[in-house]
Amino acid sequence: MKKDFIVIIGKGISGEGAAALCRKKNYDFTIISDDDHTALPENTLVVVSPGVHPEKSLLYRSAIENNCTIVSEMEFGFAHLDIPVLAITGTNGKTTTTELTDHLLKSCGVRSCVAGNIGRPLSFIAAKPENTEIAVVEVSSFQLEKISTFAPKAAVILNFASDHLDRYHGNFEEYCTVKKRIFERVSPENQIYGLSFGKNSGRVSWKNGKLFFRGKEFFDLTNSDLQGFHNAENCAAAVELTSRVLGEEIIFSDRFANALRSFRRGEHRIDVFQNHSGIKFVDDSKGTNPAAVLAAIDTFPEGKLVILL
């Protein structure tokens, strides 16, 4: 993938991750943003951060006009990675599923790490693997726009809901098509769909708050921090991914059940932060689109609900 000179567009955390990898590999590079008003030479390898808008960025448009090879930071990192990847995308639930998958792997003795859209660029992992055996990667549609070799061992699309339509011309189909690119280099048996699709892999199913693996019950979600259908979907996906690494038998072990039971969701995700005079106060500020808010509402089927938006 390396060319004589590499231009990294975007000075945020993704850009810094790509820069760290360039330094590690002794590549000749520069990191710039649209504020720098820099012209791009022809036939340059351009690494773009996910927040760089293809139409609004003058540098991005210049890269296209000058026949530059454009890759996402995630693609750049993956091209230099020597460990397998499990990948998660979808409109909602990506972070919880990523964190849960990592938690299950670690609890079962695998040296895993999280990366991607969750906050730590994949390029950082490639630059400093730190004895890691597998990377669990949260993937956004923006990161999938410019991939060519990204090939996870297994990948999941959790769900689709209207989102980011300012980037995809108000076209929901285009958004979904970009998301599906996560499967381009994944074997069919490891292409996993979330429960909401109704066509998941068939290994994990959910009914009445309980999870089943190939029709056999293995965990009751009421004994965990994973309540509601949306969390069942996240949990099912994490179990699907984990089984591709650890095998199926471990799913029914006490060790695995204890790992599911001990997992705690991150802050601001249906987070009950106060109980006062019989009233629960819930912080769900991570619910940043209508589908996520509706999923949170469905978690509280009984009683009066007051929503502050």
Protein backbone atom coordinates (compact mmCIF):
# COMPACT_ATOMS: atom_id res chain seq x y z
CA MET A 1 0.00 0.00 0.00
CA LYS A 2 2.88 2.40 0.67
CA LYS A 3 3.74 5.01 -1.95
CA ASP A 4 6.67 7.42 -2.02
CA PHE A 5 4.73 9.96 0.00
CA ILE A 6 1.65 9.67 2.24
CA VAL A 7 -0.77 12.50 2.98
CA ILE A 8 -3.03 12.12 6.00
CA ILE A 9 -6.14 14.33 5.90
CA GLY A 10 -7.55 15.08 9.34
CA LYS A 11 -5.65 16.03 12.51
CA GLY A 12 -7.98 14.34 14.98
CA ILE A 13 -7.46 11.01 16.73
CA SER A 14 -7.75 8.97 13.50
CA GLY A 15 -5.18 11.15 11.77
CA GLU A 16 -2.84 10.86 14.73
CA GLY A 17 -3.26 7.09 14.62
CA ALA A 18 -2.26 6.97 10.96
CA ALA A 19 0.68 9.29 11.71
CA ALA A 20 1.86 6.99 14.52
CA LEU A 21 1.83 4.05 12.12
CA CYS A 22 3.76 6.04 9.50
CA ARG A 23 6.41 6.87 12.09
CA LYS A 24 6.62 3.22 13.13
CA LYS A 25 7.17 2.18 9.51
CA ASN A 26 9.48 5.11 8.70
CA TYR A 27 7.17 6.33 5.94
CA ASP A 28 7.55 9.82 4.50
CA PHE A 29 4.28 11.58 5.35
CA THR A 30 2.50 14.77 6.29
CA ILE A 31 -0.71 15.31 8.26
CA ILE A 32 -2.92 18.20 7.16
CA SER A 33 -6.45 19.58 7.30
CA ASP A 34 -8.48 21.85 5.07
CA ASP A 35 -7.34 24.81 7.15
CA ASP A 36 -3.81 24.31 5.78
CA HIS A 37 -4.80 25.20 2.17
CA THR A 38 -2.23 22.72 0.82
CA ALA A 39 -2.29 21.40 -2.75
CA LEU A 40 -1.88 17.64 -3.16
CA PRO A 41 0.68 16.21 -5.58
CA GLU A 42 -0.49 13.64 -8.12
CA ASN A 43 -0.47 9.89 -7.43
CA THR A 44 -0.13 10.33 -3.68
CA LEU A 45 -1.47 7.82 -1.18
CA VAL A 46 -4.08 9.74 0.83
CA VAL A 47 -5.31 8.45 4.20
CA VAL A 48 -8.59 10.08 5.24
CA SER A 49 -10.11 10.34 8.70
CA PRO A 50 -13.78 9.28 8.91
CA GLY A 51 -14.92 12.80 9.77
CA VAL A 52 -13.59 14.22 6.49
CA HIS A 53 -16.63 14.79 4.26
CA PRO A 54 -15.99 13.66 0.64
CA GLU A 55 -17.89 16.61 -0.83
CA LYS A 56 -17.24 19.36 1.70
CA SER A 57 -13.48 18.87 2.03
CA LEU A 58 -11.41 20.74 -0.55
CA LEU A 59 -8.48 18.42 0.11
CA TYR A 60 -10.60 15.33 -0.50
CA ARG A 61 -11.83 16.77 -3.79
CA SER A 62 -8.27 17.69 -4.72
CA ALA A 63 -7.19 14.10 -4.04
CA ILE A 64 -9.81 12.84 -6.48
CA GLU A 65 -8.87 15.39 -9.14
CA ASN A 66 -5.17 14.46 -8.86
CA ASN A 67 -5.77 10.69 -9.20
CA CYS A 68 -4.58 9.99 -5.68
CA THR A 69 -5.23 6.61 -4.07
CA ILE A 70 -7.62 7.30 -1.18
CA VAL A 71 -8.01 4.89 1.73
CA SER A 72 -9.69 5.21 5.10
CA GLU A 73 -7.55 5.26 8.24
CA MET A 74 -9.08 1.90 9.19
CA GLU A 75 -8.05 0.40 5.86
CA PHE A 76 -4.54 1.81 6.30
CA GLY A 77 -4.28 0.29 9.77
CA PHE A 78 -5.65 -3.08 8.69
CA ALA A 79 -3.13 -3.33 5.84
CA HIS A 80 -0.36 -3.27 8.47
CA LEU A 81 -2.05 -5.52 11.03
CA ASP A 82 -0.81 -9.04 11.78
CA ILE A 83 -3.67 -10.22 14.02
CA PRO A 84 -7.28 -11.26 13.22
CA VAL A 85 -10.14 -8.78 13.45
CA LEU A 86 -13.76 -9.14 14.56
CA ALA A 87 -15.82 -6.26 13.18
CA ILE A 88 -19.13 -4.71 14.25
CA THR A 89 -21.27 -2.19 12.39
CA GLY A 90 -24.92 -1.10 12.34
CA THR A 91 -26.81 2.03 13.26
CA ASN A 92 -27.25 1.32 16.97
CA GLY A 93 -25.56 -0.89 19.55
CA LYS A 94 -22.07 -0.97 18.02
CA THR A 95 -20.21 0.23 21.10
CA THR A 96 -22.00 -2.06 23.55
CA THR A 97 -21.48 -5.06 21.25
CA THR A 98 -17.82 -4.20 20.77
CA GLU A 99 -17.20 -3.82 24.50
CA LEU A 100 -19.15 -7.01 25.31
CA THR A 101 -17.27 -9.05 22.70
CA ASP A 102 -13.97 -7.83 24.11
CA HIS A 103 -15.17 -8.59 27.66
CA LEU A 104 -16.17 -12.15 26.73
CA LEU A 105 -12.87 -12.84 25.00
CA LYS A 106 -10.80 -11.45 27.87
CA SER A 107 -12.85 -13.40 30.41
CA CYS A 108 -12.05 -16.56 28.48
CA GLY A 109 -8.31 -15.91 28.37
CA VAL A 110 -7.89 -14.20 24.99
CA ARG A 111 -5.68 -11.10 24.83
CA SER A 112 -8.08 -8.88 22.89
CA CYS A 113 -8.40 -5.13 22.46
CA VAL A 114 -11.03 -2.73 21.13
CA ALA A 115 -10.37 -0.35 18.27
CA GLY A 116 -11.97 1.64 15.47
CA ASN A 117 -14.91 3.98 15.91
CA ILE A 118 -14.94 3.27 19.65
CA GLY A 119 -12.07 5.72 20.13
CA ARG A 120 -8.75 3.97 19.43
CA PRO A 121 -7.83 3.95 15.72
CA LEU A 122 -6.84 0.61 14.20
CA SER A 123 -3.61 2.24 13.06
CA PHE A 124 -2.57 2.64 16.71
CA ILE A 125 -3.01 -1.12 17.19
CA ALA A 126 -0.93 -1.81 14.08
CA ALA A 127 1.79 0.54 15.31
CA LYS A 128 1.84 -0.91 18.85
CA PRO A 129 0.30 -4.41 18.93
CA GLU A 130 1.35 -4.88 22.59
CA ASN A 131 1.06 -8.68 22.56
CA THR A 132 -2.58 -8.49 21.41
CA GLU A 133 -4.08 -11.66 19.90
CA ILE A 134 -7.23 -10.23 18.32
CA ALA A 135 -8.78 -6.81 17.68
CA VAL A 136 -12.49 -6.16 18.16
CA VAL A 137 -13.30 -3.25 15.88
CA GLU A 138 -16.31 -0.93 15.92
CA VAL A 139 -16.85 0.19 12.33
CA SER A 140 -18.79 3.22 11.09
CA SER A 141 -20.16 3.73 7.59
CA PHE A 142 -17.66 6.58 7.13
CA GLN A 143 -14.77 4.15 7.74
CA LEU A 144 -16.18 1.69 5.20
CA GLU A 145 -16.37 4.19 2.36
CA LYS A 146 -12.75 3.72 1.33
CA ILE A 147 -11.73 0.10 1.96
CA SER A 148 -10.29 -2.49 -0.40
CA THR A 149 -8.46 -5.13 1.67
CA PHE A 150 -10.36 -4.95 4.99
CA ALA A 151 -11.06 -8.62 5.76
CA PRO A 152 -12.33 -9.44 9.25
CA LYS A 153 -12.35 -13.04 10.46
CA ALA A 154 -16.05 -12.49 11.23
CA ALA A 155 -18.31 -9.46 11.06
CA VAL A 156 -21.80 -8.42 12.13
CA ILE A 157 -24.33 -5.86 10.94
CA LEU A 158 -26.56 -5.25 13.94
CA ASN A 159 -29.40 -3.23 12.41
CA PHE A 160 -30.28 -0.45 10.00
CA ALA A 161 -32.08 2.78 10.89
CA SER A 162 -32.16 6.19 9.26
CA ASP A 163 -28.90 8.01 10.07
CA HIS A 164 -26.18 10.19 8.49
CA LEU A 165 -28.44 11.09 5.57
CA ASP A 166 -26.67 14.44 5.25
CA ARG A 167 -23.65 12.46 4.05
CA TYR A 168 -25.59 10.11 1.79
CA HIS A 169 -27.83 12.63 0.00
CA GLY A 170 -30.89 11.65 2.00
CA ASN A 171 -30.65 8.19 0.44
CA PHE A 172 -31.17 5.43 3.00
CA GLU A 173 -30.30 2.73 0.46
CA GLU A 174 -26.87 4.26 -0.15
CA TYR A 175 -26.23 4.30 3.61
CA CYS A 176 -27.17 0.60 3.86
CA THR A 177 -25.04 -0.29 0.85
CA VAL A 178 -21.98 1.31 2.44
CA LYS A 179 -22.63 -0.58 5.70
CA LYS A 180 -22.80 -3.89 3.82
CA ARG A 181 -19.27 -3.37 2.55
CA ILE A 182 -18.10 -4.82 5.88
CA PHE A 183 -18.90 -8.27 4.41
CA GLU A 184 -16.95 -7.84 1.14
CA ARG A 185 -14.03 -10.03 2.25
CA VAL A 186 -15.74 -12.13 4.94
CA SER A 187 -16.60 -15.79 4.30
CA PRO A 188 -20.39 -16.37 4.06
CA GLU A 189 -20.53 -18.49 7.23
CA ASN A 190 -19.01 -15.60 9.20
CA GLN A 191 -21.34 -12.90 7.89
CA ILE A 192 -23.66 -12.29 10.84
CA TYR A 193 -26.89 -10.27 10.87
CA GLY A 194 -28.54 -8.87 13.99
CA LEU A 195 -31.73 -10.36 15.37
CA SER A 196 -33.83 -7.51 13.95
CA PHE A 197 -33.12 -8.70 10.40
CA GLY A 198 -34.93 -11.97 11.00
CA LYS A 199 -32.23 -13.77 9.02
CA ASN A 200 -29.41 -14.06 11.50
CA SER A 201 -26.94 -16.95 11.24
CA GLY A 202 -29.26 -19.28 13.10
CA ARG A 203 -26.81 -20.01 15.91
CA VAL A 204 -28.10 -17.53 18.49
CA SER A 205 -31.78 -16.71 19.05
CA TRP A 206 -33.76 -14.82 21.72
CA LYS A 207 -37.13 -15.54 23.31
CA ASN A 208 -38.80 -14.29 26.49
CA GLY A 209 -35.59 -12.72 27.77
CA LYS A 210 -33.50 -15.86 27.23
CA LEU A 211 -30.74 -16.61 24.75
CA PHE A 212 -30.46 -19.90 22.86
CA PHE A 213 -27.51 -21.33 20.95
CA ARG A 214 -28.63 -23.71 18.18
CA GLY A 215 -31.94 -24.06 20.00
CA LYS A 216 -30.46 -24.81 23.42
CA GLU A 217 -30.88 -22.23 26.20
CA PHE A 218 -27.61 -20.93 27.59
CA PHE A 219 -28.35 -17.63 29.36
CA ASP A 220 -31.20 -15.70 30.98
CA LEU A 221 -30.68 -11.99 30.29
CA THR A 222 -32.71 -10.98 33.34
CA ASN A 223 -29.61 -11.99 35.32
CA SER A 224 -27.49 -9.40 33.54
CA ASP A 225 -27.13 -5.70 32.67
CA LEU A 226 -28.49 -6.44 29.19
CA GLN A 227 -32.24 -5.81 29.34
CA GLY A 228 -34.58 -5.31 26.39
CA PHE A 229 -34.58 -6.51 22.80
CA HIS A 230 -31.85 -4.13 21.65
CA ASN A 231 -29.47 -5.47 24.29
CA ALA A 232 -30.48 -9.04 23.41
CA GLU A 233 -29.47 -8.18 19.85
CA ASN A 234 -26.12 -6.81 21.04
CA CYS A 235 -25.53 -9.86 23.22
CA ALA A 236 -26.49 -12.33 20.48
CA ALA A 237 -24.05 -10.65 18.09
CA ALA A 238 -21.23 -10.71 20.65
CA VAL A 239 -21.84 -14.42 21.31
CA GLU A 240 -21.89 -15.12 17.56
CA LEU A 241 -18.55 -13.38 17.11
CA THR A 242 -17.01 -14.99 20.18
CA SER A 243 -18.01 -18.47 19.03
CA ARG A 244 -16.02 -17.92 15.80
CA VAL A 245 -12.88 -17.58 17.94
CA LEU A 246 -13.46 -19.79 20.98
CA GLY A 247 -15.63 -22.51 19.46
CA GLU A 248 -19.19 -23.43 20.42
CA GLU A 249 -18.70 -25.55 23.53
CA ILE A 250 -17.49 -22.67 25.69
CA ILE A 251 -20.86 -20.92 25.22
CA PHE A 252 -22.43 -23.36 27.69
CA SER A 253 -19.69 -23.09 30.30
CA ASP A 254 -19.99 -21.43 33.73
CA ARG A 255 -17.05 -19.22 32.79
CA PHE A 256 -18.95 -17.80 29.83
CA ALA A 257 -22.17 -17.31 31.83
CA ASN A 258 -20.23 -15.49 34.54
CA ALA A 259 -18.69 -13.22 31.91
CA LEU A 260 -22.14 -12.30 30.56
CA ARG A 261 -23.40 -11.73 34.09
CA SER A 262 -20.50 -9.46 35.07
CA PHE A 263 -20.61 -7.19 32.01
CA ARG A 264 -21.66 -3.58 32.57
CA ARG A 265 -22.75 -1.21 29.84
CA GLY A 266 -20.86 2.04 29.38
CA GLU A 267 -21.97 5.35 30.83
CA HIS A 268 -24.91 7.29 29.35
CA ARG A 269 -26.56 4.16 27.90
CA ILE A 270 -29.91 3.75 29.71
CA ASP A 271 -27.94 4.55 32.85
CA VAL A 272 -30.12 4.76 35.99
CA PHE A 273 -28.23 7.42 37.94
CA GLN A 274 -30.81 8.31 40.59
CA ASN A 275 -33.78 6.79 42.40
CA HIS A 276 -35.81 9.39 44.31
CA SER A 277 -39.26 8.97 45.86
CA GLY A 278 -39.97 5.98 43.64
CA ILE A 279 -38.92 7.82 40.49
CA LYS A 280 -36.05 6.51 38.35
CA PHE A 281 -33.86 9.06 36.58
CA VAL A 282 -32.20 7.60 33.49
CA ASP A 283 -29.33 9.07 31.46
CA ASP A 284 -29.49 7.90 27.85
CA SER A 285 -27.55 10.72 26.22
CA LYS A 286 -25.79 8.19 23.95
CA GLY A 287 -29.14 7.74 22.22
CA THR A 288 -28.35 10.08 19.34
CA ASN A 289 -30.98 9.07 16.76
CA PRO A 290 -34.72 8.25 16.89
CA ALA A 291 -34.23 4.47 16.67
CA ALA A 292 -31.90 4.52 19.68
CA VAL A 293 -34.36 6.60 21.71
CA LEU A 294 -37.22 4.23 20.84
CA ALA A 295 -35.10 1.25 21.88
CA ALA A 296 -34.49 2.91 25.25
CA ILE A 297 -38.20 3.62 25.69
CA ASP A 298 -39.02 -0.04 25.03
CA THR A 299 -36.81 -0.96 27.98
CA PHE A 300 -39.43 0.55 30.32
CA PRO A 301 -42.76 -1.05 29.28
CA GLU A 302 -44.64 -0.30 32.52
CA GLY A 303 -45.53 2.91 34.35
CA LYS A 304 -45.47 6.55 33.39
CA LEU A 305 -42.52 7.71 31.33
CA VAL A 306 -41.38 11.31 31.00
CA ILE A 307 -38.87 11.95 28.22
CA LEU A 308 -36.58 14.99 28.02
CA LEU A 309 -35.14 15.54 24.55
